[in-house]
Amino acid sequence: MIKPAEMTTLSQVIEKLRTKRHDNEFLLTPNGFSVGNGKFYQPDDLKIIKTYRFEGESDPADSSILYVIEAKDGLVGYSIDAYGAYSNHDDINYDDFIRKMVVDERDDQLVF
């Protein structure tokens, strides 16, 4: 069983996702989110099942958010963004896309 305190860094969460074979990175494309498998997902095809926020100790640019996402077809993966002005995404579409997704927040034990 994982205790939340055991996953304090972004790399720890990604490694745990990798060990569960949930290390599919959802990337926003003009056709929707994709993990490079030829499928494109729209917000109503996905739900956010866990959100992790990380804050840099000395540099606000280190602040990021990781969304664990589950698709209706059972695929589980993640998407990463930085907070606010430090966002990795140059367009507003990413934020709009994420906001349209259903949030079904689960305990770590249910995700991992």
N, C-alpha and C. Protein backbone atom coordinates (compact mmCIF):
# COMPACT_ATOMS: atom_id res chain seq x y z
N MET A 1 0.84 -1.18 0.00
CA MET A 1 0.00 0.00 0.00
C MET A 1 0.89 1.24 0.00
N ILE A 2 0.53 2.22 -0.79
CA ILE A 2 1.30 3.46 -0.89
C ILE A 2 0.75 4.47 0.09
N LYS A 3 1.63 5.12 0.78
CA LYS A 3 1.25 6.23 1.64
C LYS A 3 1.53 7.50 0.87
N PRO A 4 0.63 8.50 0.92
CA PRO A 4 0.85 9.73 0.16
C PRO A 4 2.21 10.36 0.41
N ALA A 5 2.73 10.27 1.63
CA ALA A 5 4.02 10.88 1.94
C ALA A 5 5.16 10.23 1.17
N GLU A 6 4.96 9.01 0.70
CA GLU A 6 6.00 8.31 -0.03
C GLU A 6 6.20 8.87 -1.43
N MET A 7 5.25 9.60 -1.95
CA MET A 7 5.35 10.15 -3.30
C MET A 7 5.36 11.67 -3.19
N THR A 8 6.53 12.21 -2.98
CA THR A 8 6.64 13.64 -2.76
C THR A 8 7.20 14.40 -3.96
N THR A 9 7.67 13.67 -4.96
CA THR A 9 8.21 14.35 -6.14
C THR A 9 7.49 13.88 -7.40
N LEU A 10 7.58 14.70 -8.41
CA LEU A 10 6.99 14.36 -9.70
C LEU A 10 7.59 13.06 -10.24
N SER A 11 8.89 12.92 -10.13
CA SER A 11 9.52 11.71 -10.66
C SER A 11 9.08 10.45 -9.91
N GLN A 12 8.80 10.56 -8.60
CA GLN A 12 8.30 9.40 -7.85
C GLN A 12 6.93 8.98 -8.34
N VAL A 13 6.06 9.93 -8.60
CA VAL A 13 4.72 9.60 -9.09
C VAL A 13 4.80 8.98 -10.48
N ILE A 14 5.61 9.56 -11.36
CA ILE A 14 5.74 9.00 -12.70
C ILE A 14 6.33 7.59 -12.65
N GLU A 15 7.28 7.35 -11.76
CA GLU A 15 7.85 6.02 -11.63
C GLU A 15 6.80 5.02 -11.15
N LYS A 16 5.97 5.43 -10.20
CA LYS A 16 4.91 4.54 -9.72
C LYS A 16 3.92 4.25 -10.84
N LEU A 17 3.59 5.25 -11.63
CA LEU A 17 2.71 5.02 -12.79
C LEU A 17 3.36 4.04 -13.76
N ARG A 18 4.67 4.18 -13.97
CA ARG A 18 5.37 3.28 -14.89
C ARG A 18 5.31 1.84 -14.40
N THR A 19 5.49 1.63 -13.10
CA THR A 19 5.46 0.25 -12.58
C THR A 19 4.08 -0.38 -12.72
N LYS A 20 3.05 0.43 -12.79
CA LYS A 20 1.67 -0.06 -12.99
C LYS A 20 1.26 -0.04 -14.46
N ARG A 21 2.21 0.29 -15.32
CA ARG A 21 1.97 0.40 -16.76
C ARG A 21 0.91 1.45 -17.12
N HIS A 22 0.94 2.52 -16.34
CA HIS A 22 0.05 3.66 -16.57
C HIS A 22 0.86 4.89 -16.97
N ASP A 23 2.01 4.67 -17.59
CA ASP A 23 2.89 5.79 -17.92
C ASP A 23 2.66 6.32 -19.33
N ASN A 24 1.43 6.32 -19.77
CA ASN A 24 1.04 6.88 -21.07
C ASN A 24 0.87 8.39 -20.89
N GLU A 25 1.66 9.18 -21.60
CA GLU A 25 1.53 10.62 -21.47
C GLU A 25 0.53 11.16 -22.49
N PHE A 26 -0.56 11.73 -21.98
CA PHE A 26 -1.56 12.35 -22.83
C PHE A 26 -1.03 13.72 -23.27
N LEU A 27 -0.93 13.92 -24.56
CA LEU A 27 -0.49 15.19 -25.12
C LEU A 27 -1.62 15.79 -25.95
N LEU A 28 -1.78 17.10 -25.84
CA LEU A 28 -2.84 17.77 -26.59
C LEU A 28 -2.41 17.98 -28.03
N THR A 29 -3.25 17.55 -28.95
CA THR A 29 -3.03 17.75 -30.38
C THR A 29 -4.25 18.51 -30.92
N PRO A 30 -4.21 18.95 -32.16
CA PRO A 30 -5.39 19.61 -32.73
C PRO A 30 -6.62 18.70 -32.75
N ASN A 31 -6.43 17.39 -32.68
CA ASN A 31 -7.55 16.44 -32.70
C ASN A 31 -7.98 15.96 -31.32
N GLY A 32 -7.34 16.45 -30.27
CA GLY A 32 -7.67 16.03 -28.91
C GLY A 32 -6.45 15.46 -28.22
N PHE A 33 -6.65 14.88 -27.04
CA PHE A 33 -5.55 14.24 -26.32
C PHE A 33 -5.18 12.94 -27.01
N SER A 34 -3.89 12.65 -27.08
CA SER A 34 -3.42 11.40 -27.67
C SER A 34 -2.21 10.92 -26.88
N VAL A 35 -2.03 9.60 -26.85
CA VAL A 35 -0.85 9.01 -26.24
C VAL A 35 0.04 8.38 -27.31
N GLY A 36 -0.20 8.74 -28.55
CA GLY A 36 0.61 8.25 -29.66
C GLY A 36 0.21 6.88 -30.16
N ASN A 37 -0.99 6.43 -29.79
CA ASN A 37 -1.46 5.11 -30.23
C ASN A 37 -2.43 5.20 -31.41
N GLY A 38 -2.55 6.39 -32.00
CA GLY A 38 -3.45 6.56 -33.12
C GLY A 38 -4.86 6.96 -32.73
N LYS A 39 -5.16 6.90 -31.43
CA LYS A 39 -6.48 7.31 -30.95
C LYS A 39 -6.42 8.74 -30.45
N PHE A 40 -7.54 9.42 -30.59
CA PHE A 40 -7.65 10.78 -30.09
C PHE A 40 -8.85 10.82 -29.15
N TYR A 41 -8.65 11.42 -28.00
CA TYR A 41 -9.67 11.47 -26.96
C TYR A 41 -10.16 12.89 -26.77
N GLN A 42 -11.47 13.03 -26.63
CA GLN A 42 -12.09 14.31 -26.32
C GLN A 42 -12.37 14.35 -24.81
N PRO A 43 -12.66 15.53 -24.26
CA PRO A 43 -12.87 15.62 -22.81
C PRO A 43 -13.93 14.65 -22.28
N ASP A 44 -14.98 14.39 -23.04
CA ASP A 44 -16.02 13.49 -22.55
C ASP A 44 -15.61 12.01 -22.64
N ASP A 45 -14.44 11.73 -23.22
CA ASP A 45 -13.89 10.37 -23.26
C ASP A 45 -12.98 10.09 -22.07
N LEU A 46 -12.71 11.14 -21.27
CA LEU A 46 -11.69 11.06 -20.23
C LEU A 46 -12.21 11.55 -18.90
N LYS A 47 -11.56 11.08 -17.83
CA LYS A 47 -11.83 11.67 -16.52
C LYS A 47 -10.53 11.73 -15.72
N ILE A 48 -10.42 12.76 -14.92
CA ILE A 48 -9.27 12.94 -14.05
C ILE A 48 -9.54 12.13 -12.79
N ILE A 49 -8.65 11.17 -12.49
CA ILE A 49 -8.87 10.31 -11.33
C ILE A 49 -7.95 10.66 -10.16
N LYS A 50 -6.94 11.47 -10.41
CA LYS A 50 -6.06 11.90 -9.33
C LYS A 50 -5.29 13.13 -9.79
N THR A 51 -5.08 14.05 -8.88
CA THR A 51 -4.32 15.26 -9.17
C THR A 51 -3.21 15.40 -8.14
N TYR A 52 -2.01 15.64 -8.61
CA TYR A 52 -0.87 15.88 -7.73
C TYR A 52 -0.31 17.26 -8.05
N ARG A 53 -0.06 18.05 -7.01
CA ARG A 53 0.54 19.36 -7.18
C ARG A 53 1.92 19.33 -6.53
N PHE A 54 2.89 19.91 -7.22
CA PHE A 54 4.25 19.96 -6.71
C PHE A 54 4.72 21.40 -6.74
N GLU A 55 5.32 21.84 -5.65
CA GLU A 55 5.81 23.20 -5.57
C GLU A 55 7.31 23.19 -5.34
N GLY A 56 8.01 23.97 -6.16
CA GLY A 56 9.45 24.09 -6.00
C GLY A 56 9.78 24.81 -4.71
N GLU A 57 10.79 24.34 -4.02
CA GLU A 57 11.15 24.94 -2.74
C GLU A 57 11.73 26.34 -2.88
N SER A 58 12.47 26.58 -3.97
CA SER A 58 13.11 27.88 -4.10
C SER A 58 12.76 28.61 -5.39
N ASP A 59 12.17 27.91 -6.34
CA ASP A 59 11.90 28.51 -7.64
C ASP A 59 10.45 28.26 -8.06
N PRO A 60 9.63 29.31 -8.16
CA PRO A 60 8.23 29.12 -8.57
C PRO A 60 8.10 28.43 -9.92
N ALA A 61 9.11 28.50 -10.77
CA ALA A 61 9.06 27.85 -12.08
C ALA A 61 9.06 26.33 -11.94
N ASP A 62 9.41 25.82 -10.77
CA ASP A 62 9.41 24.38 -10.53
C ASP A 62 8.03 23.84 -10.15
N SER A 63 7.05 24.70 -10.02
CA SER A 63 5.72 24.29 -9.61
C SER A 63 4.99 23.64 -10.78
N SER A 64 4.46 22.43 -10.54
CA SER A 64 3.78 21.71 -11.61
C SER A 64 2.59 20.94 -11.06
N ILE A 65 1.78 20.49 -11.98
CA ILE A 65 0.61 19.69 -11.64
C ILE A 65 0.58 18.48 -12.57
N LEU A 66 0.28 17.33 -12.00
CA LEU A 66 0.16 16.10 -12.78
C LEU A 66 -1.26 15.58 -12.61
N TYR A 67 -1.92 15.36 -13.72
CA TYR A 67 -3.26 14.78 -13.72
C TYR A 67 -3.14 13.32 -14.12
N VAL A 68 -3.67 12.41 -13.30
CA VAL A 68 -3.78 11.01 -13.70
C VAL A 68 -5.15 10.90 -14.36
N ILE A 69 -5.15 10.37 -15.58
CA ILE A 69 -6.35 10.39 -16.43
C ILE A 69 -6.71 8.98 -16.85
N GLU A 70 -8.01 8.70 -16.82
CA GLU A 70 -8.51 7.41 -17.29
C GLU A 70 -9.46 7.64 -18.45
N ALA A 71 -9.25 6.90 -19.53
CA ALA A 71 -10.12 6.99 -20.70
C ALA A 71 -11.25 5.97 -20.57
N LYS A 72 -12.33 6.21 -21.29
CA LYS A 72 -13.47 5.29 -21.27
C LYS A 72 -13.08 3.89 -21.73
N ASP A 73 -12.03 3.78 -22.56
CA ASP A 73 -11.61 2.47 -23.03
C ASP A 73 -10.67 1.76 -22.04
N GLY A 74 -10.46 2.37 -20.85
CA GLY A 74 -9.66 1.74 -19.81
C GLY A 74 -8.21 2.18 -19.76
N LEU A 75 -7.74 2.91 -20.77
CA LEU A 75 -6.36 3.39 -20.78
C LEU A 75 -6.16 4.40 -19.66
N VAL A 76 -5.09 4.24 -18.90
CA VAL A 76 -4.75 5.18 -17.83
C VAL A 76 -3.41 5.80 -18.17
N GLY A 77 -3.30 7.09 -17.97
CA GLY A 77 -2.07 7.81 -18.24
C GLY A 77 -2.05 9.11 -17.45
N TYR A 78 -1.26 10.05 -17.91
CA TYR A 78 -1.11 11.30 -17.18
C TYR A 78 -0.87 12.46 -18.15
N SER A 79 -1.06 13.66 -17.62
CA SER A 79 -0.69 14.88 -18.32
C SER A 79 -0.07 15.81 -17.28
N ILE A 80 0.98 16.51 -17.69
CA ILE A 80 1.69 17.41 -16.78
C ILE A 80 1.60 18.83 -17.30
N ASP A 81 1.44 19.76 -16.37
CA ASP A 81 1.46 21.18 -16.71
C ASP A 81 2.15 21.92 -15.56
N ALA A 82 2.61 23.11 -15.85
CA ALA A 82 3.15 23.99 -14.82
C ALA A 82 2.04 24.95 -14.38
N TYR A 83 2.21 25.55 -13.22
CA TYR A 83 1.21 26.49 -12.72
C TYR A 83 1.25 27.81 -13.47
N GLY A 84 0.08 28.38 -13.65
CA GLY A 84 -0.08 29.76 -14.07
C GLY A 84 0.78 30.23 -15.22
N ALA A 85 1.53 31.31 -14.98
CA ALA A 85 2.34 31.95 -16.02
C ALA A 85 3.44 31.03 -16.54
N TYR A 86 3.75 29.99 -15.79
CA TYR A 86 4.82 29.07 -16.19
C TYR A 86 4.30 27.88 -16.99
N SER A 87 3.05 27.94 -17.42
CA SER A 87 2.44 26.83 -18.14
C SER A 87 3.29 26.36 -19.32
N ASN A 88 3.31 25.05 -19.52
CA ASN A 88 4.07 24.45 -20.62
C ASN A 88 3.38 24.66 -21.96
N HIS A 89 2.12 25.03 -21.92
CA HIS A 89 1.31 25.08 -23.13
C HIS A 89 1.13 26.52 -23.58
N ASP A 90 1.41 26.76 -24.85
CA ASP A 90 1.38 28.11 -25.39
C ASP A 90 -0.02 28.63 -25.68
N ASP A 91 -0.98 27.73 -25.71
CA ASP A 91 -2.32 28.19 -26.04
C ASP A 91 -3.28 27.92 -24.87
N ILE A 92 -4.42 28.56 -24.93
CA ILE A 92 -5.41 28.42 -23.87
C ILE A 92 -6.19 27.11 -24.00
N ASN A 93 -6.07 26.42 -25.12
CA ASN A 93 -6.84 25.21 -25.36
C ASN A 93 -6.59 24.12 -24.32
N TYR A 94 -5.38 24.00 -23.83
CA TYR A 94 -5.06 22.97 -22.83
C TYR A 94 -5.92 23.17 -21.58
N ASP A 95 -5.92 24.38 -21.04
CA ASP A 95 -6.71 24.65 -19.83
C ASP A 95 -8.19 24.40 -20.08
N ASP A 96 -8.69 24.84 -21.22
CA ASP A 96 -10.10 24.61 -21.55
C ASP A 96 -10.39 23.13 -21.66
N PHE A 97 -9.49 22.38 -22.29
CA PHE A 97 -9.67 20.94 -22.46
C PHE A 97 -9.73 20.25 -21.09
N ILE A 98 -8.79 20.58 -20.21
CA ILE A 98 -8.75 19.98 -18.86
C ILE A 98 -10.02 20.33 -18.08
N ARG A 99 -10.46 21.56 -18.15
CA ARG A 99 -11.66 21.98 -17.40
C ARG A 99 -12.92 21.25 -17.84
N LYS A 100 -12.97 20.80 -19.07
CA LYS A 100 -14.14 20.09 -19.59
C LYS A 100 -14.20 18.63 -19.14
N MET A 101 -13.10 18.12 -18.60
CA MET A 101 -13.06 16.71 -18.19
C MET A 101 -13.76 16.52 -16.85
N VAL A 102 -14.41 15.38 -16.69
CA VAL A 102 -15.02 15.01 -15.41
C VAL A 102 -13.91 14.72 -14.42
N VAL A 103 -14.12 15.12 -13.17
CA VAL A 103 -13.16 14.81 -12.11
C VAL A 103 -13.79 13.77 -11.20
N ASP A 104 -13.13 12.64 -11.07
CA ASP A 104 -13.56 11.54 -10.20
C ASP A 104 -12.37 11.17 -9.32
N GLU A 105 -12.00 12.08 -8.43
CA GLU A 105 -10.80 11.95 -7.61
C GLU A 105 -10.87 10.68 -6.78
N ARG A 106 -9.81 9.88 -6.84
CA ARG A 106 -9.73 8.61 -6.12
C ARG A 106 -8.59 8.62 -5.14
N ASP A 107 -8.66 7.75 -4.13
CA ASP A 107 -7.55 7.59 -3.20
C ASP A 107 -6.38 6.96 -3.92
N ASP A 108 -5.17 7.20 -3.41
CA ASP A 108 -3.97 6.61 -4.00
C ASP A 108 -4.09 5.10 -4.13
N GLN A 109 -4.68 4.46 -3.15
CA GLN A 109 -4.80 3.00 -3.15
C GLN A 109 -5.62 2.51 -4.34
N LEU A 110 -6.57 3.29 -4.78
CA LEU A 110 -7.41 2.90 -5.91
C LEU A 110 -6.74 3.18 -7.24
N VAL A 111 -5.85 4.16 -7.26
CA VAL A 111 -5.12 4.50 -8.49
C VAL A 111 -3.94 3.56 -8.67
N PHE A 112 -3.24 3.28 -7.56
CA PHE A 112 -2.04 2.47 -7.62
C PHE A 112 -2.29 1.12 -6.99
